[in-house]
């Protein structure tokens, strides 16, 4: 009779163990690479979508300089109750601005008000949240500029600035544009342009160091790298 050859149970178990080890080593890296690509694509799309919405809005509402932005309430020297009231007012004013000048010119799924979000400073705010068609979302509040916080994955975690949430600024006022964007002709952009004048040769390195200290600057770092997460990006997604 012809003898049939087969793997022994020990050989099968060893093979499965090797496959498991290889998968454990490669799958996390593949998942991180996929996540970086997904986040990069969404950030670039959001930046473009906002610019297009602003351009379309000028046709209906006139030049950006004529758009009405309410005065920001600085809560630095206020007591806790007054600070909370100021934050609520700034959140309301920021939403009303975006609702009037931006939202009519972009596609979105829904709006939810009074959603909790923690800023890079550690301050917890309740802001209106706009959900977009691709599963991402963004918040806004009134400041020297209109502060816009973009969340690449919507309600999914970790909901942390520098990881899945990124700061952008929009300003109809000349003075903040000159300070934050180094140009009074730019209305919308990432957070962090203001140190550029002081570091003309090592600007990226300066922004990376600021991103490590204050995660709001991380959107500018990704922008400088053509909306990609470079190998030296400070945080693991």
C-alpha atoms as a PDB file:
ATOM      1  CA  UNK A   1       0.000   0.000   0.000  1.00  0.00           C
ATOM      2  CA  UNK A   2       1.139   3.569  -0.770  1.00  0.00           C
ATOM      3  CA  UNK A   3       2.022   5.531   2.372  1.00  0.00           C
ATOM      4  CA  UNK A   4       0.360   8.972   2.647  1.00  0.00           C
ATOM      5  CA  UNK A   5       2.422  11.835   4.038  1.00  0.00           C
ATOM      6  CA  UNK A   6       0.905  14.581   6.191  1.00  0.00           C
ATOM      7  CA  UNK A   7       1.878  17.258   8.671  1.00  0.00           C
ATOM      8  CA  UNK A   8       2.070  16.229  12.253  1.00  0.00           C
ATOM      9  CA  UNK A   9       0.053  18.093  14.869  1.00  0.00           C
ATOM     10  CA  UNK A  10       3.248  19.620  16.242  1.00  0.00           C
ATOM     11  CA  UNK A  11       4.207  20.972  12.805  1.00  0.00           C
ATOM     12  CA  UNK A  12       0.755  22.518  12.327  1.00  0.00           C
ATOM     13  CA  UNK A  13       0.901  24.208  15.738  1.00  0.00           C
ATOM     14  CA  UNK A  14       4.386  25.565  15.076  1.00  0.00           C
ATOM     15  CA  UNK A  15       3.242  26.974  11.705  1.00  0.00           C
ATOM     16  CA  UNK A  16       0.211  28.637  13.311  1.00  0.00           C
ATOM     17  CA  UNK A  17       2.418  30.107  16.021  1.00  0.00           C
ATOM     18  CA  UNK A  18       4.775  31.591  13.422  1.00  0.00           C
ATOM     19  CA  UNK A  19       1.845  33.072  11.486  1.00  0.00           C
ATOM     20  CA  UNK A  20       0.513  34.566  14.727  1.00  0.00           C
ATOM     21  CA  UNK A  21       3.849  36.179  15.569  1.00  0.00           C
ATOM     22  CA  UNK A  22       4.220  37.644  12.070  1.00  0.00           C
ATOM     23  CA  UNK A  23       0.650  38.992  12.185  1.00  0.00           C
ATOM     24  CA  UNK A  24       1.232  40.529  15.616  1.00  0.00           C
ATOM     25  CA  UNK A  25       4.305  42.332  14.288  1.00  0.00           C
ATOM     26  CA  UNK A  26       2.884  43.538  10.953  1.00  0.00           C
ATOM     27  CA  UNK A  27      -0.842  44.181  11.457  1.00  0.00           C
ATOM     28  CA  UNK A  28      -0.423  47.135  13.902  1.00  0.00           C
ATOM     29  CA  UNK A  29       2.023  48.812  11.511  1.00  0.00           C
ATOM     30  CA  UNK A  30      -0.366  48.287   8.588  1.00  0.00           C
ATOM     31  CA  UNK A  31      -3.277  49.653  10.606  1.00  0.00           C
ATOM     32  CA  UNK A  32      -1.300  52.725  11.616  1.00  0.00           C
ATOM     33  CA  UNK A  33      -0.255  53.322   8.018  1.00  0.00           C
ATOM     34  CA  UNK A  34      -3.880  53.048   6.899  1.00  0.00           C
ATOM     35  CA  UNK A  35      -5.018  55.424   9.647  1.00  0.00           C
ATOM     36  CA  UNK A  36      -2.371  58.007   8.694  1.00  0.00           C
ATOM     37  CA  UNK A  37      -3.491  57.850   5.073  1.00  0.00           C
ATOM     38  CA  UNK A  38      -7.149  58.185   6.041  1.00  0.00           C
ATOM     39  CA  UNK A  39      -6.509  61.126   8.349  1.00  0.00           C
ATOM     40  CA  UNK A  40      -4.270  62.869   5.809  1.00  0.00           C
ATOM     41  CA  UNK A  41      -6.946  62.564   3.113  1.00  0.00           C
ATOM     42  CA  UNK A  42      -9.671  63.930   5.385  1.00  0.00           C
ATOM     43  CA  UNK A  43      -7.569  66.851   6.622  1.00  0.00           C
ATOM     44  CA  UNK A  44      -6.702  67.869   3.077  1.00  0.00           C
ATOM     45  CA  UNK A  45     -10.340  67.536   2.018  1.00  0.00           C
ATOM     46  CA  UNK A  46     -11.589  69.616   4.962  1.00  0.00           C
ATOM     47  CA  UNK A  47      -9.072  72.368   4.241  1.00  0.00           C
ATOM     48  CA  UNK A  48     -10.201  72.482   0.611  1.00  0.00           C
ATOM     49  CA  UNK A  49     -13.908  72.308   1.522  1.00  0.00           C
ATOM     50  CA  UNK A  50     -13.603  75.266   3.880  1.00  0.00           C
ATOM     51  CA  UNK A  51     -11.761  77.352   1.313  1.00  0.00           C
ATOM     52  CA  UNK A  52     -14.431  76.603  -1.299  1.00  0.00           C
ATOM     53  CA  UNK A  53     -17.233  77.449   1.137  1.00  0.00           C
ATOM     54  CA  UNK A  54     -15.591  80.789   1.949  1.00  0.00           C
ATOM     55  CA  UNK A  55     -15.239  81.640  -1.749  1.00  0.00           C
ATOM     56  CA  UNK A  56     -18.882  80.727  -2.441  1.00  0.00           C
ATOM     57  CA  UNK A  57     -20.022  82.739   0.561  1.00  0.00           C
ATOM     58  CA  UNK A  58     -18.348  85.906  -0.717  1.00  0.00           C
ATOM     59  CA  UNK A  59     -20.640  85.815  -3.761  1.00  0.00           C
ATOM     60  CA  UNK A  60     -23.690  86.077  -1.491  1.00  0.00           C
ATOM     61  CA  UNK A  61     -22.263  87.952   1.501  1.00  0.00           C
ATOM     62  CA  UNK A  62     -19.606  90.196   0.004  1.00  0.00           C
ATOM     63  CA  UNK A  63     -15.927  90.433   0.876  1.00  0.00           C
ATOM     64  CA  UNK A  64     -14.835  88.585   4.015  1.00  0.00           C
ATOM     65  CA  UNK A  65     -13.762  91.883   5.614  1.00  0.00           C
ATOM     66  CA  UNK A  66     -17.439  92.906   5.765  1.00  0.00           C
ATOM     67  CA  UNK A  67     -18.565  89.770   7.620  1.00  0.00           C
ATOM     68  CA  UNK A  68     -19.690  90.468  11.181  1.00  0.00           C
ATOM     69  CA  UNK A  69     -17.773  88.710  13.955  1.00  0.00           C
ATOM     70  CA  UNK A  70     -18.862  89.474  17.516  1.00  0.00           C
ATOM     71  CA  UNK A  71     -16.317  90.578  20.079  1.00  0.00           C
ATOM     72  CA  UNK A  72     -14.531  87.785  21.920  1.00  0.00           C
ATOM     73  CA  UNK A  73     -15.087  87.707  25.687  1.00  0.00           C
ATOM     74  CA  UNK A  74     -11.758  87.226  27.458  1.00  0.00           C
ATOM     75  CA  UNK A  75     -12.408  85.198  30.609  1.00  0.00           C
ATOM     76  CA  UNK A  76      -8.882  85.401  32.061  1.00  0.00           C
ATOM     77  CA  UNK A  77      -9.719  87.699  34.977  1.00  0.00           C
ATOM     78  CA  UNK A  78     -13.282  86.493  35.582  1.00  0.00           C
ATOM     79  CA  UNK A  79     -14.505  84.293  38.412  1.00  0.00           C
ATOM     80  CA  UNK A  80     -15.599  80.717  37.687  1.00  0.00           C
ATOM     81  CA  UNK A  81     -19.279  81.514  37.104  1.00  0.00           C
ATOM     82  CA  UNK A  82     -18.403  84.410  34.819  1.00  0.00           C
ATOM     83  CA  UNK A  83     -15.871  82.258  32.960  1.00  0.00           C
ATOM     84  CA  UNK A  84     -18.507  79.621  32.257  1.00  0.00           C
ATOM     85  CA  UNK A  85     -20.935  82.257  30.997  1.00  0.00           C
ATOM     86  CA  UNK A  86     -18.217  83.780  28.785  1.00  0.00           C
ATOM     87  CA  UNK A  87     -17.369  80.359  27.319  1.00  0.00           C
ATOM     88  CA  UNK A  88     -21.003  79.671  26.526  1.00  0.00           C
ATOM     89  CA  UNK A  89     -21.330  83.070  24.848  1.00  0.00           C
ATOM     90  CA  UNK A  90     -18.161  82.562  22.796  1.00  0.00           C
ATOM     91  CA  UNK A  91     -19.404  79.115  21.749  1.00  0.00           C
ATOM     92  CA  UNK A  92     -22.790  80.543  20.716  1.00  0.00           C
ATOM     93  CA  UNK A  93     -21.243  83.461  18.812  1.00  0.00           C
ATOM     94  CA  UNK A  94     -18.829  81.176  16.972  1.00  0.00           C
ATOM     95  CA  UNK A  95     -21.622  78.839  15.892  1.00  0.00           C
ATOM     96  CA  UNK A  96     -23.840  81.700  14.717  1.00  0.00           C
ATOM     97  CA  UNK A  97     -20.998  83.049  12.591  1.00  0.00           C
ATOM     98  CA  UNK A  98     -20.341  79.685  10.929  1.00  0.00           C
ATOM     99  CA  UNK A  99     -24.065  79.022  10.547  1.00  0.00           C
ATOM    100  CA  UNK A 100     -24.512  82.282   8.656  1.00  0.00           C
ATOM    101  CA  UNK A 101     -21.375  82.469   6.537  1.00  0.00           C
ATOM    102  CA  UNK A 102     -20.090  78.907   6.066  1.00  0.00           C
ATOM    103  CA  UNK A 103     -22.686  76.156   6.492  1.00  0.00           C
ATOM    104  CA  UNK A 104     -24.999  77.241   3.640  1.00  0.00           C
ATOM    105  CA  UNK A 105     -22.104  76.616   1.251  1.00  0.00           C
ATOM    106  CA  UNK A 106     -20.983  73.150   2.333  1.00  0.00           C
ATOM    107  CA  UNK A 107     -22.605  69.729   2.691  1.00  0.00           C
ATOM    108  CA  UNK A 108     -23.165  68.329   6.162  1.00  0.00           C
ATOM    109  CA  UNK A 109     -25.295  65.655   7.814  1.00  0.00           C
ATOM    110  CA  UNK A 110     -26.474  67.177  11.086  1.00  0.00           C
ATOM    111  CA  UNK A 111     -25.770  69.638  13.883  1.00  0.00           C
ATOM    112  CA  UNK A 112     -25.637  68.794  17.591  1.00  0.00           C
ATOM    113  CA  UNK A 113     -25.317  71.601  20.112  1.00  0.00           C
ATOM    114  CA  UNK A 114     -23.659  71.602  23.556  1.00  0.00           C
ATOM    115  CA  UNK A 115     -21.240  68.784  22.803  1.00  0.00           C
ATOM    116  CA  UNK A 116     -18.314  68.426  25.270  1.00  0.00           C
ATOM    117  CA  UNK A 117     -14.816  68.915  23.875  1.00  0.00           C
ATOM    118  CA  UNK A 118     -11.487  69.266  25.709  1.00  0.00           C
ATOM    119  CA  UNK A 119      -9.024  71.763  24.262  1.00  0.00           C
ATOM    120  CA  UNK A 120      -5.252  71.335  24.186  1.00  0.00           C
ATOM    121  CA  UNK A 121      -5.124  73.615  27.237  1.00  0.00           C
ATOM    122  CA  UNK A 122      -7.204  71.081  29.155  1.00  0.00           C
ATOM    123  CA  UNK A 123     -10.267  73.342  29.311  1.00  0.00           C
ATOM    124  CA  UNK A 124     -13.587  71.531  28.812  1.00  0.00           C
ATOM    125  CA  UNK A 125     -16.103  73.375  26.630  1.00  0.00           C
ATOM    126  CA  UNK A 126     -19.571  72.691  25.285  1.00  0.00           C
ATOM    127  CA  UNK A 127     -19.633  73.540  21.583  1.00  0.00           C
ATOM    128  CA  UNK A 128     -21.879  72.979  18.600  1.00  0.00           C
ATOM    129  CA  UNK A 129     -20.747  70.061  16.445  1.00  0.00           C
ATOM    130  CA  UNK A 130     -21.203  69.797  12.678  1.00  0.00           C
ATOM    131  CA  UNK A 131     -21.171  66.263  11.233  1.00  0.00           C
ATOM    132  CA  UNK A 132     -19.866  65.920   7.662  1.00  0.00           C
ATOM    133  CA  UNK A 133     -20.663  63.312   5.014  1.00  0.00           C
ATOM    134  CA  UNK A 134     -17.365  61.441   5.369  1.00  0.00           C
ATOM    135  CA  UNK A 135     -17.825  60.691   9.081  1.00  0.00           C
ATOM    136  CA  UNK A 136     -15.690  63.579  10.306  1.00  0.00           C
ATOM    137  CA  UNK A 137     -16.975  66.608  12.213  1.00  0.00           C
ATOM    138  CA  UNK A 138     -15.935  70.005  13.490  1.00  0.00           C
ATOM    139  CA  UNK A 139     -16.590  72.386  16.373  1.00  0.00           C
ATOM    140  CA  UNK A 140     -16.247  76.147  16.488  1.00  0.00           C
ATOM    141  CA  UNK A 141     -16.023  78.992  19.001  1.00  0.00           C
ATOM    142  CA  UNK A 142     -15.445  82.711  18.897  1.00  0.00           C
ATOM    143  CA  UNK A 143     -12.005  84.060  19.713  1.00  0.00           C
ATOM    144  CA  UNK A 144      -9.638  86.605  18.214  1.00  0.00           C
ATOM    145  CA  UNK A 145     -10.375  84.447  15.173  1.00  0.00           C
ATOM    146  CA  UNK A 146     -13.142  81.911  14.735  1.00  0.00           C
ATOM    147  CA  UNK A 147     -11.494  78.820  16.231  1.00  0.00           C
ATOM    148  CA  UNK A 148     -12.391  75.638  14.338  1.00  0.00           C
ATOM    149  CA  UNK A 149     -11.554  72.200  15.746  1.00  0.00           C
ATOM    150  CA  UNK A 150     -11.732  69.433  13.161  1.00  0.00           C
ATOM    151  CA  UNK A 151     -12.265  65.814  14.274  1.00  0.00           C
ATOM    152  CA  UNK A 152     -11.246  63.354  11.557  1.00  0.00           C
ATOM    153  CA  UNK A 153     -13.276  60.444  12.952  1.00  0.00           C
ATOM    154  CA  UNK A 154     -16.350  62.082  14.405  1.00  0.00           C
ATOM    155  CA  UNK A 155     -17.585  60.421  17.596  1.00  0.00           C
ATOM    156  CA  UNK A 156     -14.813  57.821  17.720  1.00  0.00           C
ATOM    157  CA  UNK A 157     -11.980  58.198  20.234  1.00  0.00           C
ATOM    158  CA  UNK A 158      -9.607  59.290  21.458  1.00  0.00           C
ATOM    159  CA  UNK A 159     -11.004  62.797  20.744  1.00  0.00           C
ATOM    160  CA  UNK A 160      -7.645  64.372  21.554  1.00  0.00           C
ATOM    161  CA  UNK A 161      -5.961  67.379  19.940  1.00  0.00           C
ATOM    162  CA  UNK A 162      -2.948  66.241  17.922  1.00  0.00           C
ATOM    163  CA  UNK A 163      -4.238  62.669  17.503  1.00  0.00           C
ATOM    164  CA  UNK A 164      -7.647  62.809  15.834  1.00  0.00           C
ATOM    165  CA  UNK A 165      -8.561  66.484  16.378  1.00  0.00           C
ATOM    166  CA  UNK A 166      -6.846  69.478  14.759  1.00  0.00           C
ATOM    167  CA  UNK A 167      -7.037  73.258  15.107  1.00  0.00           C
ATOM    168  CA  UNK A 168      -7.842  75.662  12.272  1.00  0.00           C
ATOM    169  CA  UNK A 169      -8.468  79.405  12.344  1.00  0.00           C
ATOM    170  CA  UNK A 170     -10.722  81.685  10.304  1.00  0.00           C
ATOM    171  CA  UNK A 171     -10.554  85.450  10.597  1.00  0.00           C
ATOM    172  CA  UNK A 172     -12.528  88.183   8.836  1.00  0.00           C
ATOM    173  CA  UNK A 173     -10.441  90.756  10.724  1.00  0.00           C
ATOM    174  CA  UNK A 174      -7.186  92.126   9.366  1.00  0.00           C
ATOM    175  CA  UNK A 175      -5.136  92.236  12.579  1.00  0.00           C
ATOM    176  CA  UNK A 176      -5.501  88.536  13.518  1.00  0.00           C
ATOM    177  CA  UNK A 177      -4.802  87.523   9.917  1.00  0.00           C
ATOM    178  CA  UNK A 178      -1.547  89.431   9.914  1.00  0.00           C
ATOM    179  CA  UNK A 179      -0.585  87.890  13.264  1.00  0.00           C
ATOM    180  CA  UNK A 180      -1.575  84.282  12.655  1.00  0.00           C
ATOM    181  CA  UNK A 181      -1.133  83.881   8.906  1.00  0.00           C
ATOM    182  CA  UNK A 182       1.628  86.389   8.169  1.00  0.00           C
ATOM    183  CA  UNK A 183      -0.697  87.746   5.477  1.00  0.00           C
ATOM    184  CA  UNK A 184      -3.756  89.986   5.579  1.00  0.00           C
ATOM    185  CA  UNK A 185      -4.963  88.212   2.414  1.00  0.00           C
ATOM    186  CA  UNK A 186      -5.381  84.778   3.984  1.00  0.00           C
ATOM    187  CA  UNK A 187      -8.599  84.152   5.882  1.00  0.00           C
ATOM    188  CA  UNK A 188      -8.474  80.460   6.771  1.00  0.00           C
ATOM    189  CA  UNK A 189      -5.596  78.212   7.753  1.00  0.00           C
ATOM    190  CA  UNK A 190      -3.947  75.995  10.328  1.00  0.00           C
ATOM    191  CA  UNK A 191      -2.954  77.128  13.788  1.00  0.00           C
ATOM    192  CA  UNK A 192       0.646  78.259  14.147  1.00  0.00           C
ATOM    193  CA  UNK A 193       1.753  80.651  11.463  1.00  0.00           C
ATOM    194  CA  UNK A 194       2.704  83.418  13.867  1.00  0.00           C
ATOM    195  CA  UNK A 195       6.260  82.200  14.708  1.00  0.00           C
ATOM    196  CA  UNK A 196       7.253  81.990  11.027  1.00  0.00           C
ATOM    197  CA  UNK A 197       8.780  85.451  10.945  1.00  0.00           C
ATOM    198  CA  UNK A 198      11.060  84.629  13.870  1.00  0.00           C
ATOM    199  CA  UNK A 199      12.304  81.317  12.470  1.00  0.00           C
ATOM    200  CA  UNK A 200      12.756  81.747   8.716  1.00  0.00           C
ATOM    201  CA  UNK A 201      15.360  78.968   8.477  1.00  0.00           C
ATOM    202  CA  UNK A 202      14.141  76.454  11.066  1.00  0.00           C
ATOM    203  CA  UNK A 203      10.419  77.023  10.977  1.00  0.00           C
ATOM    204  CA  UNK A 204       9.364  73.364  10.684  1.00  0.00           C
ATOM    205  CA  UNK A 205      11.609  72.338  13.550  1.00  0.00           C
ATOM    206  CA  UNK A 206      10.149  75.136  15.675  1.00  0.00           C
ATOM    207  CA  UNK A 207       6.581  74.073  14.856  1.00  0.00           C
ATOM    208  CA  UNK A 208       7.387  70.454  15.701  1.00  0.00           C
ATOM    209  CA  UNK A 209       8.759  71.491  19.092  1.00  0.00           C
ATOM    210  CA  UNK A 210       5.628  73.598  19.678  1.00  0.00           C
ATOM    211  CA  UNK A 211       3.448  70.641  18.642  1.00  0.00           C
ATOM    212  CA  UNK A 212       5.148  68.611  21.383  1.00  0.00           C
ATOM    213  CA  UNK A 213       4.315  71.264  23.968  1.00  0.00           C
ATOM    214  CA  UNK A 214       0.936  72.518  22.715  1.00  0.00           C
ATOM    215  CA  UNK A 215      -0.915  70.141  20.411  1.00  0.00           C
ATOM    216  CA  UNK A 216      -2.878  72.952  18.724  1.00  0.00           C
ATOM    217  CA  UNK A 217       0.260  73.551  16.611  1.00  0.00           C
ATOM    218  CA  UNK A 218       0.150  70.023  15.166  1.00  0.00           C
ATOM    219  CA  UNK A 219      -2.189  70.993  12.328  1.00  0.00           C
ATOM    220  CA  UNK A 220       0.457  73.385  11.042  1.00  0.00           C
ATOM    221  CA  UNK A 221       3.121  70.674  11.216  1.00  0.00           C
ATOM    222  CA  UNK A 222       0.995  68.310   9.099  1.00  0.00           C
ATOM    223  CA  UNK A 223       0.253  71.146   6.662  1.00  0.00           C
ATOM    224  CA  UNK A 224       3.980  71.851   6.263  1.00  0.00           C
ATOM    225  CA  UNK A 225       4.486  68.173   5.392  1.00  0.00           C
ATOM    226  CA  UNK A 226       1.895  68.358   2.573  1.00  0.00           C
ATOM    227  CA  UNK A 227      -0.887  66.942   4.770  1.00  0.00           C
ATOM    228  CA  UNK A 228       1.169  63.844   5.538  1.00  0.00           C
ATOM    229  CA  UNK A 229       2.293  62.398   8.864  1.00  0.00           C
ATOM    230  CA  UNK A 230       6.077  62.426   8.651  1.00  0.00           C
ATOM    231  CA  UNK A 231       8.147  59.778  10.404  1.00  0.00           C
ATOM    232  CA  UNK A 232       9.044  62.271  13.124  1.00  0.00           C
ATOM    233  CA  UNK A 233       5.437  63.290  13.838  1.00  0.00           C
ATOM    234  CA  UNK A 234       5.415  63.456  17.661  1.00  0.00           C
ATOM    235  CA  UNK A 235       2.332  61.323  18.346  1.00  0.00           C
ATOM    236  CA  UNK A 236       1.409  57.767  17.438  1.00  0.00           C
ATOM    237  CA  UNK A 237      -2.054  57.494  15.927  1.00  0.00           C
END
